[in-house]
Structures are given as structure tokens and as C-alpha cells.
Protein backbone atom coordinates (compact mmCIF):
# COMPACT_ATOMS: atom_id res chain seq x y z
CA MET A 1 -2.72 13.58 -41.23
CA GLY A 2 -2.47 17.38 -41.16
CA SER A 3 -5.40 17.74 -38.78
CA VAL A 4 -3.98 15.04 -36.55
CA MET A 5 -0.57 16.66 -36.30
CA ALA A 6 -2.11 20.07 -35.73
CA ALA A 7 -3.68 18.68 -32.57
CA LEU A 8 -0.23 17.97 -31.13
CA ALA A 9 0.28 21.53 -29.91
CA PRO A 10 0.76 21.17 -26.12
CA ARG A 11 -1.28 22.98 -23.51
CA MET A 12 -1.11 22.92 -19.75
CA ALA A 13 -4.01 20.98 -18.23
CA TRP A 14 -5.00 19.45 -14.92
CA SER A 15 -8.14 18.62 -12.99
CA GLN A 16 -8.54 18.86 -9.21
CA PRO A 17 -12.20 18.25 -8.27
CA SER A 18 -12.68 18.40 -4.50
CA GLN A 19 -14.05 14.86 -4.04
CA ALA A 20 -12.01 13.04 -6.65
CA TRP A 21 -9.93 9.93 -5.98
CA PRO A 22 -7.03 9.70 -5.98
CA ARG A 23 -6.34 13.25 -4.86
CA HIS A 24 -4.34 15.37 -7.29
CA SER A 25 -0.71 15.73 -6.20
CA ALA A 26 1.61 16.35 -9.15
CA VAL A 27 4.88 15.68 -7.32
CA PRO A 28 7.43 12.85 -7.61
CA GLY A 29 5.62 9.84 -6.15
CA GLY A 30 2.23 11.49 -6.61
CA VAL A 31 -0.68 11.36 -9.05
CA ALA A 32 -1.62 13.99 -11.64
CA ARG A 33 -5.27 14.24 -12.69
CA ILE A 34 -5.34 15.58 -16.25
CA ASP A 35 -8.58 16.77 -17.83
CA LEU A 36 -9.03 15.28 -21.31
CA GLY A 37 -12.38 16.93 -22.05
CA PRO A 38 -15.49 15.30 -23.55
CA ALA A 39 -15.38 12.51 -26.14
CA GLY A 40 -17.90 9.98 -27.40
CA SER A 41 -15.73 7.06 -26.28
CA ARG A 42 -12.91 6.60 -23.80
CA PRO A 43 -9.69 8.14 -25.18
CA ARG A 44 -6.38 6.33 -24.92
CA ALA A 45 -3.58 8.14 -23.11
CA PHE A 46 0.11 7.37 -22.73
CA ALA A 47 3.12 8.60 -20.75
CA GLU A 48 5.82 7.89 -23.33
CA ASP A 49 4.73 4.37 -24.39
CA VAL A 50 3.11 3.35 -21.09
CA PRO A 51 -0.71 3.30 -21.13
CA LEU A 52 -2.53 5.44 -18.56
CA LEU A 53 -5.70 4.90 -16.57
CA VAL A 54 -8.53 6.99 -18.09
CA LEU A 55 -11.81 7.34 -16.19
CA GLY A 56 -15.00 9.31 -16.73
CA THR A 57 -17.95 9.51 -19.09
CA PRO A 58 -18.49 10.97 -22.60
CA ALA A 59 -19.24 14.27 -20.85
CA GLY A 60 -15.66 14.42 -19.57
CA TRP A 61 -12.65 12.11 -19.22
CA THR A 62 -9.67 12.26 -16.85
CA ALA A 63 -6.26 10.65 -17.19
CA LEU A 64 -4.62 9.54 -13.93
CA VAL A 65 -0.84 9.67 -14.18
CA GLY A 66 1.41 8.00 -11.62
CA ILE A 67 4.60 10.07 -11.30
CA ALA A 68 7.81 8.17 -10.52
CA LEU A 69 9.73 9.12 -7.38
CA ALA A 70 12.76 9.72 -9.61
CA ALA A 71 10.88 12.21 -11.82
CA GLU A 72 12.50 15.61 -12.19
CA PRO A 73 10.35 18.66 -11.38
CA GLY A 74 9.31 20.63 -14.45
CA THR A 75 7.00 20.16 -17.40
CA ALA A 76 5.87 16.64 -18.27
CA ARG A 77 3.61 15.54 -21.12
CA ILE A 78 1.16 12.81 -22.02
CA ARG A 79 -0.13 11.77 -25.46
CA VAL A 80 -3.87 11.37 -25.99
CA GLN A 81 -5.38 9.39 -28.84
CA SER A 82 -9.06 9.52 -29.78
CA ALA A 83 -10.96 8.41 -32.85
CA ALA A 84 -10.34 11.76 -34.56
CA SER A 85 -6.97 13.05 -33.35
CA VAL A 86 -3.69 12.69 -31.52
CA ARG A 87 -2.75 15.49 -29.15
CA GLU A 88 -0.24 16.25 -26.44
CA LEU A 89 -1.08 17.70 -23.03
CA ALA A 90 1.46 19.15 -20.62
CA TYR A 91 1.36 19.36 -16.84
CA ALA A 92 3.71 20.65 -14.16
CA VAL A 93 5.57 18.36 -11.74
CA THR A 94 6.41 20.33 -8.59
CA PRO A 95 9.20 19.44 -6.13
CA LYS A 96 8.62 17.53 -2.89
CA ARG A 97 11.13 16.76 -0.16
CA TYR A 98 10.52 13.51 1.67
CA THR A 99 11.70 12.70 5.21
CA GLU A 100 15.16 11.20 5.61
CA GLN A 101 16.19 8.53 8.12
CA HIS A 102 19.85 7.76 8.94
CA LEU A 103 20.57 4.39 10.58
CA LYS A 104 23.68 2.59 11.81
CA VAL A 105 23.34 -1.16 11.30
CA ALA A 106 25.53 -4.25 11.13
CA PRO A 107 27.03 -4.61 7.62
CA ARG A 108 25.60 -8.11 7.24
CA THR A 109 22.08 -6.66 7.36
CA VAL A 110 22.62 -4.56 4.22
CA ASP A 111 25.26 -6.51 2.25
CA LEU A 112 23.75 -9.52 0.49
CA SER A 113 25.56 -12.79 -0.11
CA PRO A 114 26.05 -13.73 -3.79
CA GLY A 115 23.26 -16.29 -3.51
CA ASP A 116 20.82 -13.86 -1.90
CA LEU A 117 21.70 -11.19 -4.44
CA ALA A 118 21.06 -13.58 -7.35
CA ARG A 119 17.69 -14.53 -5.84
CA HIS A 120 16.75 -10.88 -5.40
CA GLU A 121 17.66 -10.10 -9.02
CA ARG A 122 15.47 -12.98 -10.28
CA GLU A 123 12.56 -11.85 -8.12
CA ARG A 124 12.94 -8.24 -9.19
CA ALA A 125 12.78 -9.22 -12.88
CA HIS A 126 9.62 -11.26 -12.21
CA GLN A 127 7.96 -8.36 -10.41
CA GLN A 128 8.85 -5.92 -13.19
CA GLY A 129 6.69 -8.12 -15.42
CA LEU A 130 3.84 -7.98 -12.92
CA ILE A 131 3.98 -4.21 -12.60
CA ALA A 132 3.43 -3.88 -16.37
CA THR A 133 -0.02 -5.52 -16.08
CA PHE A 134 -2.72 -3.45 -17.82
CA SER A 135 -6.31 -4.70 -17.85
CA ALA A 136 -9.77 -3.13 -18.26
CA PRO A 137 -10.12 0.03 -16.13
CA PRO A 138 -12.12 0.01 -12.88
CA ALA A 139 -15.79 0.93 -13.02
CA ALA A 140 -15.45 3.91 -10.66
CA GLU A 141 -12.82 6.28 -9.31
CA PRO A 142 -10.41 4.37 -7.02
CA HIS A 143 -11.39 5.48 -3.52
CA MET A 144 -9.53 2.82 -1.55
CA ARG A 145 -10.12 1.24 1.83
CA GLN A 146 -7.08 0.94 4.11
CA PRO A 147 -6.19 -2.76 3.82
CA ALA A 148 -5.45 -3.33 7.53
CA PRO A 149 -6.20 -1.48 10.77
CA GLY A 150 -3.29 0.13 12.57
CA ARG A 151 -1.07 3.18 12.74
CA ARG A 152 1.10 4.27 9.86
CA SER A 153 4.59 3.31 11.03
CA SER A 154 6.47 4.43 7.91
CA SER A 155 5.23 6.67 5.15
CA PHE A 156 5.74 6.57 1.41
CA GLY A 157 8.88 8.24 0.06
CA LEU A 158 10.97 7.98 3.25
CA ARG A 159 14.64 8.15 2.21
CA ARG A 160 16.79 5.77 4.26
CA PHE A 161 20.57 5.86 4.69
CA PHE A 162 22.28 2.79 6.16
CA ASN A 163 25.78 3.51 7.50
CA GLY A 164 25.81 6.67 5.39
CA GLN A 165 24.89 4.85 2.17
CA PRO A 166 21.58 5.81 0.45
CA ARG A 167 19.01 3.11 -0.21
CA ASN A 168 15.95 3.20 -2.46
CA PRO A 169 13.18 5.45 -1.10
CA HIS A 170 10.34 3.68 0.67
CA SER A 171 7.94 2.63 -2.07
CA GLY A 172 4.83 2.06 0.02
CA MET A 173 3.00 2.64 3.30
CA ASP A 174 3.80 0.55 6.40
CA ILE A 175 0.90 -0.20 8.74
CA ALA A 176 1.87 -1.52 12.17
CA ALA A 177 -0.42 -4.30 13.40
CA PRO A 178 -0.05 -7.58 15.32
CA THR A 179 0.68 -10.82 13.49
CA GLY A 180 -2.58 -12.38 12.31
CA THR A 181 -4.44 -9.09 11.77
CA PRO A 182 -6.62 -9.54 8.66
CA VAL A 183 -5.48 -7.89 5.44
CA VAL A 184 -8.25 -7.08 2.93
CA ALA A 185 -8.55 -5.88 -0.66
CA PRO A 186 -8.66 -2.05 -0.78
CA LEU A 187 -10.68 -2.16 -4.05
CA PRO A 188 -12.18 -4.88 -6.25
CA ALA A 189 -9.22 -6.80 -7.64
CA THR A 190 -7.90 -9.90 -9.34
CA VAL A 191 -5.05 -11.77 -7.66
CA ILE A 192 -2.18 -11.84 -10.17
CA ASP A 193 0.62 -13.24 -7.99
CA THR A 194 1.29 -14.89 -4.64
CA ASP A 195 4.83 -15.81 -3.63
CA ASN A 196 7.43 -15.77 -0.87
CA TYR A 197 10.08 -13.17 -1.78
CA PHE A 198 13.49 -12.56 -0.20
CA PHE A 199 12.85 -8.97 0.91
CA ASN A 200 9.03 -8.84 0.85
CA GLY A 201 8.25 -12.23 2.40
CA GLN A 202 4.84 -13.72 1.70
CA THR A 203 3.29 -11.34 -0.82
CA VAL A 204 0.05 -10.86 -2.76
CA TRP A 205 -0.22 -8.74 -5.91
CA LEU A 206 -3.65 -7.33 -6.84
CA ASP A 207 -4.76 -5.92 -10.20
CA HIS A 208 -7.42 -3.22 -9.78
CA GLY A 209 -7.56 -2.47 -13.52
CA GLY A 210 -6.10 0.08 -15.91
CA GLY A 211 -2.52 -0.26 -14.63
CA LEU A 212 -3.51 0.30 -10.98
CA LEU A 213 -2.00 -2.41 -8.73
CA SER A 214 -1.54 -3.14 -5.04
CA MET A 215 1.22 -5.22 -3.45
CA MET A 216 0.78 -6.56 0.10
CA CYS A 217 4.00 -7.75 1.76
CA HIS A 218 5.35 -9.54 4.88
CA LEU A 219 2.17 -11.58 5.33
CA SER A 220 2.03 -14.37 7.92
CA ARG A 221 -0.45 -16.23 5.73
CA VAL A 222 -2.03 -15.96 2.30
CA ASP A 223 -5.76 -16.69 2.02
CA CYS A 224 -6.21 -16.29 -1.74
CA THR A 225 -4.95 -17.95 -4.89
CA LEU A 226 -3.88 -16.85 -8.35
CA GLY A 227 -6.87 -15.69 -10.40
CA ASP A 228 -9.21 -15.07 -7.44
CA ARG A 229 -11.56 -12.11 -7.88
CA LEU A 230 -11.81 -10.16 -4.60
CA ALA A 231 -14.40 -7.60 -3.53
CA THR A 232 -13.51 -4.50 -1.55
CA GLY A 233 -12.93 -5.58 2.04
CA GLN A 234 -12.52 -9.28 1.25
CA ARG A 235 -9.74 -10.97 3.20
CA LEU A 236 -6.60 -11.92 1.28
CA GLY A 237 -4.20 -12.77 4.09
CA ALA A 238 -2.88 -11.69 7.49
CA VAL A 239 -0.22 -9.34 8.80
CA GLY A 240 3.13 -10.95 9.58
CA ALA A 241 6.88 -10.46 9.71
CA THR A 242 8.10 -12.59 6.81
CA GLY A 243 10.98 -11.46 4.61
CA ARG A 244 13.57 -8.89 5.70
CA VAL A 245 11.76 -7.08 8.53
CA THR A 246 12.29 -6.34 12.21
CA GLY A 247 8.68 -6.78 13.34
CA PRO A 248 5.12 -7.47 12.18
CA HIS A 249 3.53 -4.95 9.87
CA LEU A 250 1.87 -4.65 6.46
CA HIS A 251 3.84 -3.03 3.67
CA TRP A 252 1.36 -1.77 1.05
CA THR A 253 2.56 -0.54 -2.32
CA VAL A 254 0.23 1.11 -4.84
CA SER A 255 1.49 1.24 -8.43
CA LEU A 256 -0.03 3.31 -11.24
CA ASN A 257 1.26 3.09 -14.82
CA ARG A 258 4.27 1.16 -13.45
CA ALA A 259 5.23 3.85 -10.91
CA PRO A 260 4.88 3.30 -7.15
CA VAL A 261 2.81 6.21 -5.82
CA ASP A 262 1.68 7.38 -2.38
CA PRO A 263 -1.19 5.16 -1.13
CA ALA A 264 -2.36 8.01 1.12
CA LEU A 265 -3.72 9.78 -1.98
CA PHE A 266 -6.28 6.99 -2.43
CA ILE A 267 -7.67 6.78 1.12
CA ASP A 268 -9.37 9.12 3.58
CA ALA A 269 -6.76 11.13 5.47
């Protein structure tokens, strides 16, 4: 036990190889790449009690840490367990200011009826269960394909204010495209949920492995079923305007260790 506890002394560590995916961006809503060093087998790593995605080879392993948008800048830590030891590694979370958008809208568009609010609460609880999915890690670093063609109409982290009241920051990337535009899997994935949600409309959840998930929202149609295994680029549905939206687009959320993170870090700029 003494040797195990001795390994708990923290040290600052991060890894930023030039061609690594996702790109290192240790900010709220970003991804930290933390060098774990060599080990004969894949170490296990945790942020508090949440398991982390660990990729690499015995010559060197890397933990990918999704950083919540609500995270405070400063020093954060992960716990690493291997066959021989438990240790703690520290990394720095730096500040980032996201764009703000102030809108004046009719009150009925932001104030939910009791029935709609109850439905939203049920759906949110269901999706919190989905976001905790943790399966075998992907075979390679997650260099993603953009799931639909089109311009980025709203970026991750945008902070919206309706009639002066703050709303949750934008948790994904919006891609503007006409209704019916194909939506494809950005990485190999298993379909873990398809449903029609109050805010998100027709939605598909994808499990890419190791706590890395995608959510595709506002679809006009769904072309996959629960349990389907999709290859990169395989069609899963089509762009639409279902749910609470003003026009057709794809909302794409990427979640890593239960934290929505910026999808732009996973694709070519």
C-alpha cells in the first residue's frame, strides 16, 4: 500500500502532438490530452469517479478528458490506475470566453407549459442515462468526419440570452443544410437511442466507444435502428426541422466522459 500511495503525488502533465485527434484545448468545453507514459497494458483513468477514454500503445498512453463548460479555470486532476500503482496527474484549465447572443422573443417561445415542462424533465433524465454510456474504446484516435455538408450556423459554447434571461450555453455545433440532406456517422458507432424529443426533435444517439458519444438532432427522418453498427460515413438519417427550431439544420453534440465538448476539435478546421 505504501508504494501505491507514494505514487499519488501530483504532477502537471499534458500531451499536444501536432497531428493528434481531438486537438488539445484545455478550456471549459474543450478536451485535455494527458500523457500517461508507457505501460504494458491500458491504464484506467478517472475524473472523480467518471471513467476516461485512454488511447495508445504500451509505448505510451494518453487520457482524453472532456472538460465541462461549467468548469472553473485552474488546476484539475485525474486519477490513473495501473496494475502496479495509483497516481494522480494534474493539468491546467485555462479560461475561454464564448460569444454571446441577446434576443428578444415572444414569452410563449421560452416559457414552457406544465405539460411540456414535465415531458422535458422526463426526456432529460432519460438522456442523462444515455450520456453515461461507457463501452470498449475506439481502435484509433477519433478523427471525425463532419456528419453533414453545410456551413456552421451556430458554434459550440454560444451563450444565449432571451429577453435578458440567460439560457444554457449551446452544447453542440449547428450545420445549416436543406431538409433531406443526408446525415452520416462521423466515426464507427453503435446506435444507442432513437427518439422524438420535445426540444431536439427526431434524434439519434451514437456510441463511438470509451465514453465518446454523438447526438444528432432535428432530423426529418431516421434511417437506423437501435443496436445498428455504423461505419464512418454511413447514413443514419436526414437533416430536418423537428423539435423546437426555426429552420432546417443539424445540431451535432459530441460528449466525452459525460461532458459536451466542442465538435470542432475532432474535425479538420
